Amino acid sequence: MYKNVVIGFDAREMWLDVDSQWTQDTKDLRQKKDELLLKQDVLKPLSVDHYVWHSVFSELLEPRLWRSVARQDKYSGSEWDNVFLESRKLSEPDNYRPRNLWRNLSSLQSYLQQSWGSVWKPCYLVAVVEVMSDDLDIEEEEGTELISPSVIDSQWKLLGYDVADYELYSGLFNGIMDPQQATKLRREWRDDLNEYHL
């Protein structure tokens, strides 16, 4: 049997224009879109991998990305420009732990509320859950603060399942597939993937 174990929380952006990210970035990244997306008609690829679906805190880690990728049309215009002022950029919080996750959802919400006030940048608050065998013992290795909440709330919406390593890097950007393998995987999996490539 398997169990779902909450391993942390994050706030992930929902304003970046995916097409702009793919086309304005490097040639290598444009090629990866065609080679690695198993389903091409997705709204926006979401992932636990912060290089695929960016944390709102990655403005600090990847400033180049945030300057080069356009906002979605619905988040453009003068009414949104104040929301995205440089002065509203987040600073790196103390609570940002290994794997770039928060261990306490309330602390994350409080931090964003304090930083952004009542007008937030468009983002999803996400719980990252690991599917583990019931046989495995869970050891807290990343600090003394307990995960809170530690169980999945019935009110949370399931976005989908991702495949990633311990550091939360997914194969979408970090895997290497030959064209034949990619074609085979597309045939096998594209109908099982949702609009977020999960």
C-alpha atoms as a PDB file:
ATOM      1  CA  MET A   1       0.000   0.000   0.000  1.00  0.00           C
ATOM      2  CA  TYR A   2       0.954   3.611  -0.461  1.00  0.00           C
ATOM      3  CA  LYS A   3       0.321   6.776   1.491  1.00  0.00           C
ATOM      4  CA  ASN A   4       0.408  10.458   0.606  1.00  0.00           C
ATOM      5  CA  VAL A   5       2.837  12.440   2.760  1.00  0.00           C
ATOM      6  CA  VAL A   6       2.837  16.243   2.753  1.00  0.00           C
ATOM      7  CA  ILE A   7       6.479  17.371   2.468  1.00  0.00           C
ATOM      8  CA  GLY A   8       5.977  21.132   2.228  1.00  0.00           C
ATOM      9  CA  PHE A   9       4.259  24.122   0.665  1.00  0.00           C
ATOM     10  CA  ASP A  10       5.018  26.830  -1.862  1.00  0.00           C
ATOM     11  CA  ALA A  11       3.415  29.682  -3.784  1.00  0.00           C
ATOM     12  CA  ARG A  12       3.757  29.155  -7.532  1.00  0.00           C
ATOM     13  CA  GLU A  13       3.278  31.875 -10.130  1.00  0.00           C
ATOM     14  CA  MET A  14       0.271  31.860 -12.422  1.00  0.00           C
ATOM     15  CA  TRP A  15       1.037  35.023 -14.376  1.00  0.00           C
ATOM     16  CA  LEU A  16       3.933  34.160 -16.676  1.00  0.00           C
ATOM     17  CA  ASP A  17       3.088  33.624 -20.324  1.00  0.00           C
ATOM     18  CA  VAL A  18       4.221  30.090 -21.109  1.00  0.00           C
ATOM     19  CA  ASP A  19       4.563  30.705 -24.839  1.00  0.00           C
ATOM     20  CA  SER A  20       6.742  33.726 -24.130  1.00  0.00           C
ATOM     21  CA  GLN A  21       8.937  31.630 -21.855  1.00  0.00           C
ATOM     22  CA  TRP A  22       9.423  28.954 -24.487  1.00  0.00           C
ATOM     23  CA  THR A  23      10.045  31.351 -27.384  1.00  0.00           C
ATOM     24  CA  GLN A  24      12.114  34.094 -25.766  1.00  0.00           C
ATOM     25  CA  ASP A  25      14.441  31.820 -23.927  1.00  0.00           C
ATOM     26  CA  THR A  26      17.353  29.919 -25.349  1.00  0.00           C
ATOM     27  CA  LYS A  27      17.225  27.807 -28.488  1.00  0.00           C
ATOM     28  CA  ASP A  28      17.891  24.812 -26.255  1.00  0.00           C
ATOM     29  CA  LEU A  29      14.718  25.518 -24.261  1.00  0.00           C
ATOM     30  CA  ARG A  30      12.603  25.898 -27.419  1.00  0.00           C
ATOM     31  CA  GLN A  31      13.864  22.533 -28.611  1.00  0.00           C
ATOM     32  CA  LYS A  32      13.094  20.980 -25.245  1.00  0.00           C
ATOM     33  CA  LYS A  33       9.458  22.055 -25.524  1.00  0.00           C
ATOM     34  CA  ASP A  34       9.034  20.052 -28.699  1.00  0.00           C
ATOM     35  CA  GLU A  35      11.142  17.155 -27.498  1.00  0.00           C
ATOM     36  CA  LEU A  36      10.050  16.776 -23.886  1.00  0.00           C
ATOM     37  CA  LEU A  37       6.408  17.759 -23.646  1.00  0.00           C
ATOM     38  CA  LEU A  38       4.498  14.538 -24.047  1.00  0.00           C
ATOM     39  CA  LYS A  39       1.342  16.542 -24.719  1.00  0.00           C
ATOM     40  CA  GLN A  40       1.670  19.774 -26.705  1.00  0.00           C
ATOM     41  CA  ASP A  41      -1.795  21.255 -26.093  1.00  0.00           C
ATOM     42  CA  VAL A  42      -1.423  22.162 -22.416  1.00  0.00           C
ATOM     43  CA  LEU A  43      -2.566  25.379 -20.755  1.00  0.00           C
ATOM     44  CA  LYS A  44       0.588  25.631 -18.688  1.00  0.00           C
ATOM     45  CA  PRO A  45       2.998  22.903 -17.609  1.00  0.00           C
ATOM     46  CA  LEU A  46       2.879  22.671 -13.808  1.00  0.00           C
ATOM     47  CA  SER A  47       5.431  20.711 -11.832  1.00  0.00           C
ATOM     48  CA  VAL A  48       7.035  20.361  -8.426  1.00  0.00           C
ATOM     49  CA  ASP A  49      10.214  21.381 -10.271  1.00  0.00           C
ATOM     50  CA  HIS A  50      10.671  25.114  -9.741  1.00  0.00           C
ATOM     51  CA  TYR A  51      12.437  25.377 -13.108  1.00  0.00           C
ATOM     52  CA  VAL A  52       9.250  24.208 -14.819  1.00  0.00           C
ATOM     53  CA  TRP A  53       6.667  25.972 -12.632  1.00  0.00           C
ATOM     54  CA  HIS A  54       8.315  28.902 -10.918  1.00  0.00           C
ATOM     55  CA  SER A  55       7.936  29.723  -7.272  1.00  0.00           C
ATOM     56  CA  VAL A  56       7.061  33.323  -6.544  1.00  0.00           C
ATOM     57  CA  PHE A  57      10.338  33.358  -4.605  1.00  0.00           C
ATOM     58  CA  SER A  58      12.396  32.471  -7.667  1.00  0.00           C
ATOM     59  CA  GLU A  59      12.412  36.160  -8.646  1.00  0.00           C
ATOM     60  CA  LEU A  60      15.470  36.166  -6.394  1.00  0.00           C
ATOM     61  CA  LEU A  61      17.020  33.029  -7.824  1.00  0.00           C
ATOM     62  CA  GLU A  62      16.424  33.689 -11.529  1.00  0.00           C
ATOM     63  CA  PRO A  63      16.049  37.442 -12.128  1.00  0.00           C
ATOM     64  CA  ARG A  64      16.834  36.984 -15.847  1.00  0.00           C
ATOM     65  CA  LEU A  65      13.709  34.898 -16.300  1.00  0.00           C
ATOM     66  CA  TRP A  66      11.458  37.454 -14.679  1.00  0.00           C
ATOM     67  CA  ARG A  67      12.775  40.245 -16.912  1.00  0.00           C
ATOM     68  CA  SER A  68      12.554  38.301 -20.179  1.00  0.00           C
ATOM     69  CA  VAL A  69       9.260  36.428 -19.912  1.00  0.00           C
ATOM     70  CA  ALA A  70       6.059  38.350 -20.499  1.00  0.00           C
ATOM     71  CA  ARG A  71       2.997  38.240 -18.275  1.00  0.00           C
ATOM     72  CA  GLN A  72      -0.143  36.622 -19.627  1.00  0.00           C
ATOM     73  CA  ASP A  73      -2.376  39.132 -21.428  1.00  0.00           C
ATOM     74  CA  LYS A  74      -4.981  39.033 -18.679  1.00  0.00           C
ATOM     75  CA  TYR A  75      -2.311  40.254 -16.210  1.00  0.00           C
ATOM     76  CA  SER A  76      -1.060  43.101 -18.402  1.00  0.00           C
ATOM     77  CA  GLY A  77      -2.099  46.727 -18.368  1.00  0.00           C
ATOM     78  CA  SER A  78      -1.941  49.653 -16.006  1.00  0.00           C
ATOM     79  CA  GLU A  79      -4.184  48.083 -13.343  1.00  0.00           C
ATOM     80  CA  TRP A  80      -1.717  45.208 -12.977  1.00  0.00           C
ATOM     81  CA  ASP A  81       1.488  47.245 -13.308  1.00  0.00           C
ATOM     82  CA  ASN A  82       1.307  48.343  -9.653  1.00  0.00           C
ATOM     83  CA  VAL A  83       0.988  44.716  -8.545  1.00  0.00           C
ATOM     84  CA  PHE A  84       4.235  43.872 -10.351  1.00  0.00           C
ATOM     85  CA  LEU A  85       6.330  46.847  -9.244  1.00  0.00           C
ATOM     86  CA  GLU A  86       9.965  46.092  -8.395  1.00  0.00           C
ATOM     87  CA  SER A  87       9.256  47.217  -4.822  1.00  0.00           C
ATOM     88  CA  ARG A  88       6.769  44.347  -4.439  1.00  0.00           C
ATOM     89  CA  LYS A  89       9.378  41.703  -5.223  1.00  0.00           C
ATOM     90  CA  LEU A  90       9.736  39.218  -2.392  1.00  0.00           C
ATOM     91  CA  SER A  91      12.902  38.835  -0.368  1.00  0.00           C
ATOM     92  CA  GLU A  92      14.184  35.396   0.555  1.00  0.00           C
ATOM     93  CA  PRO A  93      12.432  34.320   3.748  1.00  0.00           C
ATOM     94  CA  ASP A  94      14.082  32.473   6.604  1.00  0.00           C
ATOM     95  CA  ASN A  95      11.403  29.785   6.367  1.00  0.00           C
ATOM     96  CA  TYR A  96      12.387  28.750   2.837  1.00  0.00           C
ATOM     97  CA  ARG A  97      13.876  25.342   3.532  1.00  0.00           C
ATOM     98  CA  PRO A  98      15.739  22.711   1.535  1.00  0.00           C
ATOM     99  CA  ARG A  99      13.900  21.684  -1.605  1.00  0.00           C
ATOM    100  CA  ASN A 100      12.629  25.297  -1.633  1.00  0.00           C
ATOM    101  CA  LEU A 101       9.505  24.459   0.316  1.00  0.00           C
ATOM    102  CA  TRP A 102       7.866  25.953   3.383  1.00  0.00           C
ATOM    103  CA  ARG A 103       7.161  23.547   6.203  1.00  0.00           C
ATOM    104  CA  ASN A 104       4.226  25.559   7.561  1.00  0.00           C
ATOM    105  CA  LEU A 105       1.363  26.701   5.327  1.00  0.00           C
ATOM    106  CA  SER A 106       0.230  29.412   7.760  1.00  0.00           C
ATOM    107  CA  SER A 107       3.740  30.883   7.851  1.00  0.00           C
ATOM    108  CA  LEU A 108       3.785  31.010   4.050  1.00  0.00           C
ATOM    109  CA  GLN A 109       0.393  32.701   3.924  1.00  0.00           C
ATOM    110  CA  SER A 110       1.399  35.202   6.613  1.00  0.00           C
ATOM    111  CA  TYR A 111       4.629  36.023   4.800  1.00  0.00           C
ATOM    112  CA  LEU A 112       2.813  36.706   1.520  1.00  0.00           C
ATOM    113  CA  GLN A 113       0.119  38.723   3.290  1.00  0.00           C
ATOM    114  CA  GLN A 114       2.763  40.845   5.005  1.00  0.00           C
ATOM    115  CA  SER A 115       4.723  41.302   1.760  1.00  0.00           C
ATOM    116  CA  TRP A 116       1.873  41.865  -0.692  1.00  0.00           C
ATOM    117  CA  GLY A 117      -0.969  43.086   1.496  1.00  0.00           C
ATOM    118  CA  SER A 118      -4.474  42.553   0.172  1.00  0.00           C
ATOM    119  CA  VAL A 119      -3.517  42.510  -3.530  1.00  0.00           C
ATOM    120  CA  TRP A 120      -1.526  39.383  -4.337  1.00  0.00           C
ATOM    121  CA  LYS A 121       0.249  38.500  -7.520  1.00  0.00           C
ATOM    122  CA  PRO A 122      -1.658  35.683  -9.258  1.00  0.00           C
ATOM    123  CA  CYS A 123      -0.360  32.457  -7.742  1.00  0.00           C
ATOM    124  CA  TYR A 124      -1.414  29.078  -6.442  1.00  0.00           C
ATOM    125  CA  LEU A 125      -0.592  28.022  -2.911  1.00  0.00           C
ATOM    126  CA  VAL A 126       0.419  24.396  -3.292  1.00  0.00           C
ATOM    127  CA  ALA A 127       1.076  21.483  -1.012  1.00  0.00           C
ATOM    128  CA  VAL A 128       3.750  19.155  -2.331  1.00  0.00           C
ATOM    129  CA  VAL A 129       2.850  15.587  -1.482  1.00  0.00           C
ATOM    130  CA  GLU A 130       5.056  12.559  -1.874  1.00  0.00           C
ATOM    131  CA  VAL A 131       3.571   9.138  -2.498  1.00  0.00           C
ATOM    132  CA  MET A 132       5.417   6.657  -0.286  1.00  0.00           C
ATOM    133  CA  SER A 133       5.185   2.997   0.512  1.00  0.00           C
ATOM    134  CA  ASP A 134       3.521   2.261   3.852  1.00  0.00           C
ATOM    135  CA  ASP A 135       6.635   0.244   4.701  1.00  0.00           C
ATOM    136  CA  LEU A 136       8.899   3.293   4.722  1.00  0.00           C
ATOM    137  CA  ASP A 137       9.635   5.200   7.899  1.00  0.00           C
ATOM    138  CA  ILE A 138       9.430   8.950   7.472  1.00  0.00           C
ATOM    139  CA  GLU A 139      12.373  10.770   8.985  1.00  0.00           C
ATOM    140  CA  GLU A 140      12.466  14.515   9.493  1.00  0.00           C
ATOM    141  CA  GLU A 141      15.850  15.543   8.110  1.00  0.00           C
ATOM    142  CA  GLU A 142      15.266  19.135   7.152  1.00  0.00           C
ATOM    143  CA  GLY A 143      14.934  20.891  10.462  1.00  0.00           C
ATOM    144  CA  THR A 144      12.968  20.677  13.640  1.00  0.00           C
ATOM    145  CA  GLU A 145       9.852  22.494  12.444  1.00  0.00           C
ATOM    146  CA  LEU A 146       7.084  19.991  11.781  1.00  0.00           C
ATOM    147  CA  ILE A 147       5.076  20.018   8.568  1.00  0.00           C
ATOM    148  CA  SER A 148       1.804  21.820   9.209  1.00  0.00           C
ATOM    149  CA  PRO A 149      -0.741  20.816   8.186  1.00  0.00           C
ATOM    150  CA  SER A 150       0.686  17.339   7.820  1.00  0.00           C
ATOM    151  CA  VAL A 151      -2.326  15.737   6.155  1.00  0.00           C
ATOM    152  CA  ILE A 152      -4.156  16.522   2.939  1.00  0.00           C
ATOM    153  CA  ASP A 153      -7.184  18.742   3.497  1.00  0.00           C
ATOM    154  CA  SER A 154     -10.344  17.539   1.743  1.00  0.00           C
ATOM    155  CA  GLN A 155     -10.899  21.114   0.491  1.00  0.00           C
ATOM    156  CA  TRP A 156      -7.638  21.157  -1.492  1.00  0.00           C
ATOM    157  CA  LYS A 157      -7.827  20.668  -5.246  1.00  0.00           C
ATOM    158  CA  LEU A 158      -5.648  17.965  -6.781  1.00  0.00           C
ATOM    159  CA  LEU A 159      -3.746  19.500  -9.696  1.00  0.00           C
ATOM    160  CA  GLY A 160      -2.195  16.188 -10.714  1.00  0.00           C
ATOM    161  CA  TYR A 161       0.770  13.893 -10.193  1.00  0.00           C
ATOM    162  CA  ASP A 162       4.356  14.669 -11.179  1.00  0.00           C
ATOM    163  CA  VAL A 163       7.471  12.522 -11.371  1.00  0.00           C
ATOM    164  CA  ALA A 164      10.577  14.017  -9.782  1.00  0.00           C
ATOM    165  CA  ASP A 165      13.646  13.123  -7.771  1.00  0.00           C
ATOM    166  CA  TYR A 166      14.272  13.913  -4.099  1.00  0.00           C
ATOM    167  CA  GLU A 167      15.392  17.472  -4.893  1.00  0.00           C
ATOM    168  CA  LEU A 168      12.155  17.973  -6.877  1.00  0.00           C
ATOM    169  CA  TYR A 169      13.774  18.075 -10.305  1.00  0.00           C
ATOM    170  CA  SER A 170      11.521  16.585 -12.937  1.00  0.00           C
ATOM    171  CA  GLY A 171      12.390  14.923 -16.203  1.00  0.00           C
ATOM    172  CA  LEU A 172      10.603  17.687 -18.112  1.00  0.00           C
ATOM    173  CA  PHE A 173      13.696  19.902 -18.123  1.00  0.00           C
ATOM    174  CA  ASN A 174      16.297  17.667 -16.608  1.00  0.00           C
ATOM    175  CA  GLY A 175      15.757  14.384 -18.395  1.00  0.00           C
ATOM    176  CA  ILE A 176      17.357  13.213 -21.595  1.00  0.00           C
ATOM    177  CA  MET A 177      15.222  11.343 -24.092  1.00  0.00           C
ATOM    178  CA  ASP A 178      16.141  10.214 -27.547  1.00  0.00           C
ATOM    179  CA  PRO A 179      13.511  10.985 -30.224  1.00  0.00           C
ATOM    180  CA  GLN A 180      12.331   7.360 -30.458  1.00  0.00           C
ATOM    181  CA  GLN A 181      11.821   7.143 -26.711  1.00  0.00           C
ATOM    182  CA  ALA A 182       9.919  10.468 -26.716  1.00  0.00           C
ATOM    183  CA  THR A 183       7.623   9.282 -29.508  1.00  0.00           C
ATOM    184  CA  LYS A 184       6.875   6.068 -27.627  1.00  0.00           C
ATOM    185  CA  LEU A 185       6.173   7.932 -24.372  1.00  0.00           C
ATOM    186  CA  ARG A 186       3.899  10.420 -26.157  1.00  0.00           C
ATOM    187  CA  ARG A 187       1.808   7.591 -27.584  1.00  0.00           C
ATOM    188  CA  GLU A 188       1.580   5.873 -24.191  1.00  0.00           C
ATOM    189  CA  TRP A 189       0.963   8.863 -21.918  1.00  0.00           C
ATOM    190  CA  ARG A 190      -0.430  11.914 -23.742  1.00  0.00           C
ATOM    191  CA  ASP A 191      -4.056  10.887 -23.204  1.00  0.00           C
ATOM    192  CA  ASP A 192      -3.427  10.409 -19.485  1.00  0.00           C
ATOM    193  CA  LEU A 193      -1.953  13.893 -18.971  1.00  0.00           C
ATOM    194  CA  ASN A 194      -4.205  16.784 -17.990  1.00  0.00           C
ATOM    195  CA  GLU A 195      -4.149  20.413 -19.120  1.00  0.00           C
ATOM    196  CA  TYR A 196      -1.189  21.025 -16.789  1.00  0.00           C
ATOM    197  CA  HIS A 197       0.920  18.169 -18.189  1.00  0.00           C
ATOM    198  CA  LEU A 198       0.417  16.239 -14.915  1.00  0.00           C
END
